[in-house]
């Protein structure tokens, strides 16, 4: 929700603002995009979630939180444009499904995995599944992890190969990735962690980004030519420890509906958290193209 992030991933963005008296109660940044001249409200590239944020009063009663959130998001929805096509992933924790349905929006449920970083590092390590701990212990003896900004193009290439092997398409260009990474580095909000073997071969790379509260595993990929599968475990554990060192409260693995990726994330002792994707398709042209 930072303005610099939105500048990096959107050509143009706006924000809806809800107020009560002189107090801002909520904001909802959004970017309307054009595809074949059809206006669409889409989650921007390389952005896991984009939706409303509610500012709850410090003294609000727990019994009043849901009503306050409902009222605030209703105010924000009334200010949003009304394009024919929506595909918008909301931040985890919002559960106002009935309200979105009232606004003629379908809701799809997806999942992410969150790690509570308020625990001691010994607790975080104890929560890892034993096979994962074993991989990390072995990797610590054989793998070095450093921050290497010059390896961004390799991450892009590795991820493209990984997605193609699964029959999927990479929806961002290298220029998109470079622009966002540069913005993160300017604002001390990102690091590119690279795992190398003792011989210097790159085994895997992850892009770790953060705000003042939580860290995000934005993307990562192993070297398709490398046989060592421990590197990704070691890289994520390194990023989790770095997030803990920075004082972040949560590490968001950003989830996946892919069974293999989900199984890998569960090994980190993370808590499953659901989030909503708002969908609408009232364009017969877009329906035809989707079919």
C-alpha atoms as a PDB file:
ATOM      1  CA  UNK A   1       0.000   0.000   0.000  1.00  0.00           C
ATOM      2  CA  UNK A   2       3.021   2.312  -0.160  1.00  0.00           C
ATOM      3  CA  UNK A   3       2.794   4.997  -2.835  1.00  0.00           C
ATOM      4  CA  UNK A   4       6.245   4.096  -4.192  1.00  0.00           C
ATOM      5  CA  UNK A   5       5.246   0.441  -4.605  1.00  0.00           C
ATOM      6  CA  UNK A   6       2.100   1.424  -6.491  1.00  0.00           C
ATOM      7  CA  UNK A   7       4.130   3.801  -8.685  1.00  0.00           C
ATOM      8  CA  UNK A   8       6.428   0.875  -9.559  1.00  0.00           C
ATOM      9  CA  UNK A   9       3.693  -1.628 -10.483  1.00  0.00           C
ATOM     10  CA  UNK A  10       0.929   0.612 -11.891  1.00  0.00           C
ATOM     11  CA  UNK A  11       0.835   3.074 -14.764  1.00  0.00           C
ATOM     12  CA  UNK A  12      -1.786   5.037 -12.847  1.00  0.00           C
ATOM     13  CA  UNK A  13      -3.514   4.489  -9.529  1.00  0.00           C
ATOM     14  CA  UNK A  14      -6.095   6.208  -7.350  1.00  0.00           C
ATOM     15  CA  UNK A  15      -7.277   5.825  -3.780  1.00  0.00           C
ATOM     16  CA  UNK A  16     -10.711   5.816  -2.139  1.00  0.00           C
ATOM     17  CA  UNK A  17     -10.796   7.368   1.343  1.00  0.00           C
ATOM     18  CA  UNK A  18     -13.437   6.857   4.054  1.00  0.00           C
ATOM     19  CA  UNK A  19     -13.792   9.437   6.804  1.00  0.00           C
ATOM     20  CA  UNK A  20     -15.815   9.922   9.957  1.00  0.00           C
ATOM     21  CA  UNK A  21     -15.680  13.539  10.969  1.00  0.00           C
ATOM     22  CA  UNK A  22     -12.037  14.600  10.667  1.00  0.00           C
ATOM     23  CA  UNK A  23     -10.710  11.042  11.019  1.00  0.00           C
ATOM     24  CA  UNK A  24      -9.703   8.750   8.159  1.00  0.00           C
ATOM     25  CA  UNK A  25     -11.344   5.375   8.842  1.00  0.00           C
ATOM     26  CA  UNK A  26     -10.161   3.480   5.754  1.00  0.00           C
ATOM     27  CA  UNK A  27      -8.343   3.630   2.431  1.00  0.00           C
ATOM     28  CA  UNK A  28      -8.517   1.506  -0.711  1.00  0.00           C
ATOM     29  CA  UNK A  29      -5.874   2.093  -3.402  1.00  0.00           C
ATOM     30  CA  UNK A  30      -6.787   0.726  -6.824  1.00  0.00           C
ATOM     31  CA  UNK A  31      -5.644   0.741 -10.435  1.00  0.00           C
ATOM     32  CA  UNK A  32      -8.071   0.483 -13.354  1.00  0.00           C
ATOM     33  CA  UNK A  33      -6.360  -1.155 -16.330  1.00  0.00           C
ATOM     34  CA  UNK A  34      -7.393  -1.484 -19.968  1.00  0.00           C
ATOM     35  CA  UNK A  35      -7.325  -4.775 -21.863  1.00  0.00           C
ATOM     36  CA  UNK A  36      -8.579  -4.675 -25.456  1.00  0.00           C
ATOM     37  CA  UNK A  37     -10.385  -1.439 -24.490  1.00  0.00           C
ATOM     38  CA  UNK A  38     -12.208  -3.140 -21.607  1.00  0.00           C
ATOM     39  CA  UNK A  39     -11.731  -1.339 -18.258  1.00  0.00           C
ATOM     40  CA  UNK A  40     -10.756  -3.793 -15.511  1.00  0.00           C
ATOM     41  CA  UNK A  41     -10.024  -3.621 -11.806  1.00  0.00           C
ATOM     42  CA  UNK A  42      -7.096  -6.021 -11.395  1.00  0.00           C
ATOM     43  CA  UNK A  43      -4.450  -6.813  -8.819  1.00  0.00           C
ATOM     44  CA  UNK A  44      -1.278  -5.224 -10.234  1.00  0.00           C
ATOM     45  CA  UNK A  45       1.602  -7.378 -11.416  1.00  0.00           C
ATOM     46  CA  UNK A  46       4.018  -8.602  -8.738  1.00  0.00           C
ATOM     47  CA  UNK A  47       1.597  -7.506  -6.002  1.00  0.00           C
ATOM     48  CA  UNK A  48       0.129 -10.278  -3.854  1.00  0.00           C
ATOM     49  CA  UNK A  49      -2.818  -8.302  -2.455  1.00  0.00           C
ATOM     50  CA  UNK A  50      -4.436  -4.904  -2.931  1.00  0.00           C
ATOM     51  CA  UNK A  51      -7.602  -3.903  -1.186  1.00  0.00           C
ATOM     52  CA  UNK A  52      -9.079  -1.927   1.693  1.00  0.00           C
ATOM     53  CA  UNK A  53      -7.283  -1.104   4.913  1.00  0.00           C
ATOM     54  CA  UNK A  54      -9.424  -0.145   7.899  1.00  0.00           C
ATOM     55  CA  UNK A  55      -8.116   2.115  10.691  1.00  0.00           C
ATOM     56  CA  UNK A  56      -9.886   0.899  13.829  1.00  0.00           C
ATOM     57  CA  UNK A  57     -10.124   3.355  16.752  1.00  0.00           C
ATOM     58  CA  UNK A  58      -7.815   2.432  19.621  1.00  0.00           C
ATOM     59  CA  UNK A  59     -10.729   2.256  22.063  1.00  0.00           C
ATOM     60  CA  UNK A  60     -13.155   0.263  19.890  1.00  0.00           C
ATOM     61  CA  UNK A  61     -14.895  -2.672  21.556  1.00  0.00           C
ATOM     62  CA  UNK A  62     -14.295  -6.082  20.042  1.00  0.00           C
ATOM     63  CA  UNK A  63     -18.062  -6.478  19.567  1.00  0.00           C
ATOM     64  CA  UNK A  64     -18.122  -3.341  17.377  1.00  0.00           C
ATOM     65  CA  UNK A  65     -15.147  -4.143  15.112  1.00  0.00           C
ATOM     66  CA  UNK A  66     -17.141  -6.056  12.496  1.00  0.00           C
ATOM     67  CA  UNK A  67     -19.790  -3.325  12.150  1.00  0.00           C
ATOM     68  CA  UNK A  68     -17.094  -0.634  11.915  1.00  0.00           C
ATOM     69  CA  UNK A  69     -15.264  -2.609   9.213  1.00  0.00           C
ATOM     70  CA  UNK A  70     -18.523  -3.255   7.309  1.00  0.00           C
ATOM     71  CA  UNK A  71     -19.469   0.428   7.361  1.00  0.00           C
ATOM     72  CA  UNK A  72     -15.992   1.588   6.320  1.00  0.00           C
ATOM     73  CA  UNK A  73     -15.628  -0.862   3.426  1.00  0.00           C
ATOM     74  CA  UNK A  74     -19.151   0.007   2.222  1.00  0.00           C
ATOM     75  CA  UNK A  75     -18.105   3.671   2.066  1.00  0.00           C
ATOM     76  CA  UNK A  76     -14.967   2.729   0.124  1.00  0.00           C
ATOM     77  CA  UNK A  77     -16.823   0.462  -2.310  1.00  0.00           C
ATOM     78  CA  UNK A  78     -19.244   3.280  -3.105  1.00  0.00           C
ATOM     79  CA  UNK A  79     -16.251   5.378  -4.261  1.00  0.00           C
ATOM     80  CA  UNK A  80     -14.649   2.728  -6.471  1.00  0.00           C
ATOM     81  CA  UNK A  81     -15.188   2.696 -10.239  1.00  0.00           C
ATOM     82  CA  UNK A  82     -17.563   0.059 -11.561  1.00  0.00           C
ATOM     83  CA  UNK A  83     -15.772  -1.739 -14.436  1.00  0.00           C
ATOM     84  CA  UNK A  84     -17.245  -4.810 -16.092  1.00  0.00           C
ATOM     85  CA  UNK A  85     -14.310  -7.020 -15.093  1.00  0.00           C
ATOM     86  CA  UNK A  86     -12.782  -7.517 -11.634  1.00  0.00           C
ATOM     87  CA  UNK A  87      -9.999  -9.829 -10.439  1.00  0.00           C
ATOM     88  CA  UNK A  88      -8.767  -8.345  -7.184  1.00  0.00           C
ATOM     89  CA  UNK A  89      -6.957 -10.228  -4.391  1.00  0.00           C
ATOM     90  CA  UNK A  90      -7.684  -8.685  -0.989  1.00  0.00           C
ATOM     91  CA  UNK A  91      -5.311  -8.666   1.992  1.00  0.00           C
ATOM     92  CA  UNK A  92      -5.652 -11.678   4.343  1.00  0.00           C
ATOM     93  CA  UNK A  93      -8.047 -11.272   7.235  1.00  0.00           C
ATOM     94  CA  UNK A  94     -10.958  -9.519   5.486  1.00  0.00           C
ATOM     95  CA  UNK A  95     -14.076 -11.657   5.826  1.00  0.00           C
ATOM     96  CA  UNK A  96     -16.868  -9.382   4.557  1.00  0.00           C
ATOM     97  CA  UNK A  97     -17.984 -11.888   1.917  1.00  0.00           C
ATOM     98  CA  UNK A  98     -21.660 -10.997   2.233  1.00  0.00           C
ATOM     99  CA  UNK A  99     -20.962  -7.312   1.662  1.00  0.00           C
ATOM    100  CA  UNK A 100     -18.995  -8.027  -1.522  1.00  0.00           C
ATOM    101  CA  UNK A 101     -21.774 -10.289  -2.793  1.00  0.00           C
ATOM    102  CA  UNK A 102     -24.243  -7.432  -2.203  1.00  0.00           C
ATOM    103  CA  UNK A 103     -22.075  -5.333  -4.540  1.00  0.00           C
ATOM    104  CA  UNK A 104     -22.462  -8.025  -7.236  1.00  0.00           C
ATOM    105  CA  UNK A 105     -18.965  -9.423  -6.753  1.00  0.00           C
ATOM    106  CA  UNK A 106     -18.186 -13.115  -6.614  1.00  0.00           C
ATOM    107  CA  UNK A 107     -15.705 -14.245  -3.960  1.00  0.00           C
ATOM    108  CA  UNK A 108     -13.072 -16.919  -4.417  1.00  0.00           C
ATOM    109  CA  UNK A 109     -11.122 -18.178  -1.403  1.00  0.00           C
ATOM    110  CA  UNK A 110      -7.350 -18.633  -1.549  1.00  0.00           C
ATOM    111  CA  UNK A 111      -4.768 -19.288   1.135  1.00  0.00           C
ATOM    112  CA  UNK A 112      -1.486 -17.995   2.408  1.00  0.00           C
ATOM    113  CA  UNK A 113       0.758 -19.092   5.280  1.00  0.00           C
ATOM    114  CA  UNK A 114       1.917 -16.755   8.057  1.00  0.00           C
ATOM    115  CA  UNK A 115       4.773 -17.244  10.512  1.00  0.00           C
ATOM    116  CA  UNK A 116       4.538 -15.464  13.874  1.00  0.00           C
ATOM    117  CA  UNK A 117       7.889 -13.723  14.326  1.00  0.00           C
ATOM    118  CA  UNK A 118       7.137 -12.563  17.873  1.00  0.00           C
ATOM    119  CA  UNK A 119       8.407 -15.973  19.028  1.00  0.00           C
ATOM    120  CA  UNK A 120      12.032 -16.518  19.969  1.00  0.00           C
ATOM    121  CA  UNK A 121      14.263 -17.845  17.196  1.00  0.00           C
ATOM    122  CA  UNK A 122      14.637 -21.120  19.091  1.00  0.00           C
ATOM    123  CA  UNK A 123      10.845 -21.536  18.980  1.00  0.00           C
ATOM    124  CA  UNK A 124      10.738 -20.724  15.260  1.00  0.00           C
ATOM    125  CA  UNK A 125      13.373 -23.363  14.628  1.00  0.00           C
ATOM    126  CA  UNK A 126      11.599 -25.919  16.833  1.00  0.00           C
ATOM    127  CA  UNK A 127       8.395 -25.393  14.822  1.00  0.00           C
ATOM    128  CA  UNK A 128      10.110 -26.535  11.617  1.00  0.00           C
ATOM    129  CA  UNK A 129       9.413 -30.116  10.593  1.00  0.00           C
ATOM    130  CA  UNK A 130      12.351 -32.416  11.328  1.00  0.00           C
ATOM    131  CA  UNK A 131      13.165 -33.186   7.628  1.00  0.00           C
ATOM    132  CA  UNK A 132      13.335 -29.431   7.003  1.00  0.00           C
ATOM    133  CA  UNK A 133      15.604 -28.878  10.004  1.00  0.00           C
ATOM    134  CA  UNK A 134      17.816 -31.676   8.723  1.00  0.00           C
ATOM    135  CA  UNK A 135      18.054 -30.022   5.293  1.00  0.00           C
ATOM    136  CA  UNK A 136      18.887 -26.664   6.868  1.00  0.00           C
ATOM    137  CA  UNK A 137      21.594 -28.146   9.097  1.00  0.00           C
ATOM    138  CA  UNK A 138      23.196 -29.860   6.092  1.00  0.00           C
ATOM    139  CA  UNK A 139      22.915 -26.712   3.979  1.00  0.00           C
ATOM    140  CA  UNK A 140      24.643 -24.593   6.633  1.00  0.00           C
ATOM    141  CA  UNK A 141      27.785 -26.719   6.184  1.00  0.00           C
ATOM    142  CA  UNK A 142      27.819 -26.635   2.375  1.00  0.00           C
ATOM    143  CA  UNK A 143      25.924 -23.537   1.173  1.00  0.00           C
ATOM    144  CA  UNK A 144      26.646 -19.831   1.539  1.00  0.00           C
ATOM    145  CA  UNK A 145      23.883 -17.213   1.332  1.00  0.00           C
ATOM    146  CA  UNK A 146      24.626 -13.626   0.372  1.00  0.00           C
ATOM    147  CA  UNK A 147      22.747 -10.616  -0.976  1.00  0.00           C
ATOM    148  CA  UNK A 148      23.537 -10.250  -4.689  1.00  0.00           C
ATOM    149  CA  UNK A 149      21.483  -7.590  -6.539  1.00  0.00           C
ATOM    150  CA  UNK A 150      23.152  -8.514  -9.833  1.00  0.00           C
ATOM    151  CA  UNK A 151      21.392 -11.889  -9.925  1.00  0.00           C
ATOM    152  CA  UNK A 152      17.874 -10.505 -10.525  1.00  0.00           C
ATOM    153  CA  UNK A 153      17.867 -11.537 -14.210  1.00  0.00           C
ATOM    154  CA  UNK A 154      18.793 -15.089 -13.193  1.00  0.00           C
ATOM    155  CA  UNK A 155      15.847 -15.236 -10.776  1.00  0.00           C
ATOM    156  CA  UNK A 156      13.557 -14.097 -13.584  1.00  0.00           C
ATOM    157  CA  UNK A 157      14.915 -16.805 -15.894  1.00  0.00           C
ATOM    158  CA  UNK A 158      14.803 -19.561 -13.255  1.00  0.00           C
ATOM    159  CA  UNK A 159      11.210 -18.737 -12.352  1.00  0.00           C
ATOM    160  CA  UNK A 160      10.162 -18.705 -16.001  1.00  0.00           C
ATOM    161  CA  UNK A 161      11.541 -22.221 -16.494  1.00  0.00           C
ATOM    162  CA  UNK A 162       9.840 -23.436 -13.298  1.00  0.00           C
ATOM    163  CA  UNK A 163       6.459 -22.050 -14.376  1.00  0.00           C
ATOM    164  CA  UNK A 164       6.768 -23.423 -17.908  1.00  0.00           C
ATOM    165  CA  UNK A 165       7.519 -26.876 -16.492  1.00  0.00           C
ATOM    166  CA  UNK A 166       4.152 -26.625 -14.692  1.00  0.00           C
ATOM    167  CA  UNK A 167       2.356 -25.421 -17.827  1.00  0.00           C
ATOM    168  CA  UNK A 168       1.974 -21.887 -16.496  1.00  0.00           C
ATOM    169  CA  UNK A 169       2.859 -18.454 -17.872  1.00  0.00           C
ATOM    170  CA  UNK A 170       5.032 -15.771 -16.312  1.00  0.00           C
ATOM    171  CA  UNK A 171       2.803 -12.684 -16.300  1.00  0.00           C
ATOM    172  CA  UNK A 172       5.477 -10.057 -15.745  1.00  0.00           C
ATOM    173  CA  UNK A 173       8.471  -8.983 -17.797  1.00  0.00           C
ATOM    174  CA  UNK A 174      12.008  -8.569 -16.534  1.00  0.00           C
ATOM    175  CA  UNK A 175      11.557  -4.794 -16.879  1.00  0.00           C
ATOM    176  CA  UNK A 176       8.545  -5.023 -14.502  1.00  0.00           C
ATOM    177  CA  UNK A 177      10.635  -6.956 -11.987  1.00  0.00           C
ATOM    178  CA  UNK A 178      13.644  -4.642 -12.265  1.00  0.00           C
ATOM    179  CA  UNK A 179      11.513  -1.520 -11.743  1.00  0.00           C
ATOM    180  CA  UNK A 180       9.953  -2.938  -8.579  1.00  0.00           C
ATOM    181  CA  UNK A 181      13.246  -4.267  -7.210  1.00  0.00           C
ATOM    182  CA  UNK A 182      14.935  -0.910  -7.763  1.00  0.00           C
ATOM    183  CA  UNK A 183      12.111   0.815  -5.873  1.00  0.00           C
ATOM    184  CA  UNK A 184      12.440  -1.657  -2.987  1.00  0.00           C
ATOM    185  CA  UNK A 185      16.185  -1.056  -2.729  1.00  0.00           C
ATOM    186  CA  UNK A 186      15.710   2.721  -2.757  1.00  0.00           C
ATOM    187  CA  UNK A 187      13.340   2.399   0.197  1.00  0.00           C
ATOM    188  CA  UNK A 188      15.312  -0.278   2.081  1.00  0.00           C
ATOM    189  CA  UNK A 189      12.431  -2.693   1.608  1.00  0.00           C
ATOM    190  CA  UNK A 190      13.891  -5.653  -0.245  1.00  0.00           C
ATOM    191  CA  UNK A 191      16.802  -8.056  -0.614  1.00  0.00           C
ATOM    192  CA  UNK A 192      17.815 -10.638  -3.211  1.00  0.00           C
ATOM    193  CA  UNK A 193      19.244 -13.657  -1.376  1.00  0.00           C
ATOM    194  CA  UNK A 194      21.419 -16.047  -3.397  1.00  0.00           C
ATOM    195  CA  UNK A 195      22.510 -19.533  -2.293  1.00  0.00           C
ATOM    196  CA  UNK A 196      25.790 -20.845  -3.699  1.00  0.00           C
ATOM    197  CA  UNK A 197      27.543 -24.190  -3.378  1.00  0.00           C
ATOM    198  CA  UNK A 198      31.100 -24.511  -2.073  1.00  0.00           C
ATOM    199  CA  UNK A 199      32.218 -24.467  -5.714  1.00  0.00           C
ATOM    200  CA  UNK A 200      30.398 -21.172  -6.328  1.00  0.00           C
ATOM    201  CA  UNK A 201      27.470 -22.542  -8.367  1.00  0.00           C
ATOM    202  CA  UNK A 202      24.196 -20.672  -7.814  1.00  0.00           C
ATOM    203  CA  UNK A 203      21.644 -23.129  -6.397  1.00  0.00           C
ATOM    204  CA  UNK A 204      18.645 -20.865  -5.805  1.00  0.00           C
ATOM    205  CA  UNK A 205      17.494 -17.263  -5.423  1.00  0.00           C
ATOM    206  CA  UNK A 206      14.638 -15.610  -3.527  1.00  0.00           C
ATOM    207  CA  UNK A 207      13.283 -12.056  -3.496  1.00  0.00           C
ATOM    208  CA  UNK A 208      12.397 -11.000   0.049  1.00  0.00           C
ATOM    209  CA  UNK A 209      10.482  -7.734   0.549  1.00  0.00           C
ATOM    210  CA  UNK A 210       9.082  -6.058   3.663  1.00  0.00           C
ATOM    211  CA  UNK A 211       7.229  -3.155   5.209  1.00  0.00           C
ATOM    212  CA  UNK A 212       7.322  -1.923   8.815  1.00  0.00           C
ATOM    213  CA  UNK A 213       5.294  -4.858  10.154  1.00  0.00           C
ATOM    214  CA  UNK A 214       5.720  -7.946   8.015  1.00  0.00           C
ATOM    215  CA  UNK A 215       8.021  -9.617   5.531  1.00  0.00           C
ATOM    216  CA  UNK A 216       6.932 -11.262   2.288  1.00  0.00           C
ATOM    217  CA  UNK A 217       8.414 -14.079   0.244  1.00  0.00           C
ATOM    218  CA  UNK A 218       7.655 -12.380  -3.069  1.00  0.00           C
ATOM    219  CA  UNK A 219       9.217 -14.987  -5.350  1.00  0.00           C
ATOM    220  CA  UNK A 220      11.955 -17.559  -5.596  1.00  0.00           C
ATOM    221  CA  UNK A 221      13.295 -20.325  -7.788  1.00  0.00           C
ATOM    222  CA  UNK A 222      16.019 -22.938  -7.789  1.00  0.00           C
ATOM    223  CA  UNK A 223      18.589 -23.206 -10.561  1.00  0.00           C
ATOM    224  CA  UNK A 224      17.076 -25.744 -12.995  1.00  0.00           C
ATOM    225  CA  UNK A 225      20.599 -27.029 -13.716  1.00  0.00           C
ATOM    226  CA  UNK A 226      21.412 -27.650 -10.025  1.00  0.00           C
ATOM    227  CA  UNK A 227      20.613 -30.910  -8.287  1.00  0.00           C
ATOM    228  CA  UNK A 228      20.621 -29.559  -4.702  1.00  0.00           C
ATOM    229  CA  UNK A 229      17.059 -29.114  -3.382  1.00  0.00           C
ATOM    230  CA  UNK A 230      18.150 -27.920   0.088  1.00  0.00           C
ATOM    231  CA  UNK A 231      18.942 -24.415  -1.113  1.00  0.00           C
ATOM    232  CA  UNK A 232      15.340 -23.170  -1.126  1.00  0.00           C
ATOM    233  CA  UNK A 233      14.816 -24.384   2.460  1.00  0.00           C
ATOM    234  CA  UNK A 234      18.015 -22.652   3.556  1.00  0.00           C
ATOM    235  CA  UNK A 235      17.117 -19.440   1.703  1.00  0.00           C
ATOM    236  CA  UNK A 236      13.677 -19.159   3.281  1.00  0.00           C
ATOM    237  CA  UNK A 237      15.046 -19.883   6.751  1.00  0.00           C
ATOM    238  CA  UNK A 238      17.663 -17.182   6.162  1.00  0.00           C
ATOM    239  CA  UNK A 239      14.936 -14.685   5.145  1.00  0.00           C
ATOM    240  CA  UNK A 240      12.827 -15.603   8.205  1.00  0.00           C
ATOM    241  CA  UNK A 241      15.793 -14.993  10.520  1.00  0.00           C
ATOM    242  CA  UNK A 242      16.535 -11.696   8.767  1.00  0.00           C
ATOM    243  CA  UNK A 243      12.901 -10.615   9.189  1.00  0.00           C
ATOM    244  CA  UNK A 244      13.072 -11.527  12.875  1.00  0.00           C
ATOM    245  CA  UNK A 245      16.280  -9.479  13.200  1.00  0.00           C
ATOM    246  CA  UNK A 246      14.511  -6.476  11.649  1.00  0.00           C
ATOM    247  CA  UNK A 247      11.742  -6.647  14.247  1.00  0.00           C
ATOM    248  CA  UNK A 248       8.948  -7.715  11.897  1.00  0.00           C
ATOM    249  CA  UNK A 249       5.927  -9.378  13.465  1.00  0.00           C
ATOM    250  CA  UNK A 250       4.905 -11.689  10.609  1.00  0.00           C
ATOM    251  CA  UNK A 251       6.493 -13.506   7.696  1.00  0.00           C
ATOM    252  CA  UNK A 252       4.028 -14.028   4.849  1.00  0.00           C
ATOM    253  CA  UNK A 253       4.913 -16.971   2.619  1.00  0.00           C
ATOM    254  CA  UNK A 254       2.183 -15.688   0.256  1.00  0.00           C
ATOM    255  CA  UNK A 255       0.693 -19.149  -0.025  1.00  0.00           C
ATOM    256  CA  UNK A 256      -0.157 -21.276  -2.979  1.00  0.00           C
ATOM    257  CA  UNK A 257      -2.931 -23.552  -4.190  1.00  0.00           C
ATOM    258  CA  UNK A 258      -0.254 -25.839  -5.684  1.00  0.00           C
ATOM    259  CA  UNK A 259      -0.192 -29.017  -3.503  1.00  0.00           C
ATOM    260  CA  UNK A 260       3.594 -29.369  -3.673  1.00  0.00           C
ATOM    261  CA  UNK A 261       4.255 -25.749  -2.720  1.00  0.00           C
ATOM    262  CA  UNK A 262       1.630 -25.895   0.032  1.00  0.00           C
ATOM    263  CA  UNK A 263       3.288 -28.993   1.504  1.00  0.00           C
ATOM    264  CA  UNK A 264       6.666 -27.229   1.446  1.00  0.00           C
ATOM    265  CA  UNK A 265       5.257 -24.161   3.237  1.00  0.00           C
ATOM    266  CA  UNK A 266       3.557 -26.273   5.908  1.00  0.00           C
ATOM    267  CA  UNK A 267       6.985 -27.628   6.876  1.00  0.00           C
ATOM    268  CA  UNK A 268       7.841 -24.178   8.264  1.00  0.00           C
ATOM    269  CA  UNK A 269       5.178 -24.411  10.974  1.00  0.00           C
ATOM    270  CA  UNK A 270       3.224 -21.559   9.436  1.00  0.00           C
ATOM    271  CA  UNK A 271      -0.410 -20.716  10.191  1.00  0.00           C
ATOM    272  CA  UNK A 272      -2.832 -21.041   7.282  1.00  0.00           C
ATOM    273  CA  UNK A 273      -4.751 -17.821   6.598  1.00  0.00           C
ATOM    274  CA  UNK A 274      -7.504 -17.414   3.999  1.00  0.00           C
ATOM    275  CA  UNK A 275      -8.027 -14.397   1.795  1.00  0.00           C
ATOM    276  CA  UNK A 276     -10.654 -13.392  -0.762  1.00  0.00           C
ATOM    277  CA  UNK A 277     -10.375 -12.699  -4.467  1.00  0.00           C
ATOM    278  CA  UNK A 278     -13.170 -10.505  -5.836  1.00  0.00           C
ATOM    279  CA  UNK A 279     -14.338 -11.457  -9.321  1.00  0.00           C
ATOM    280  CA  UNK A 280     -16.802 -10.064 -11.826  1.00  0.00           C
ATOM    281  CA  UNK A 281     -17.101 -10.590 -15.563  1.00  0.00           C
ATOM    282  CA  UNK A 282     -19.952  -8.736 -17.271  1.00  0.00           C
ATOM    283  CA  UNK A 283     -18.098  -8.388 -20.580  1.00  0.00           C
ATOM    284  CA  UNK A 284     -19.201 -10.860 -23.241  1.00  0.00           C
ATOM    285  CA  UNK A 285     -15.974 -10.171 -25.155  1.00  0.00           C
ATOM    286  CA  UNK A 286     -13.835 -11.042 -22.137  1.00  0.00           C
ATOM    287  CA  UNK A 287     -15.973 -14.126 -21.411  1.00  0.00           C
ATOM    288  CA  UNK A 288     -15.372 -15.285 -24.968  1.00  0.00           C
ATOM    289  CA  UNK A 289     -11.628 -14.719 -24.702  1.00  0.00           C
ATOM    290  CA  UNK A 290     -11.459 -16.512 -21.348  1.00  0.00           C
ATOM    291  CA  UNK A 291     -13.237 -19.516 -22.856  1.00  0.00           C
END
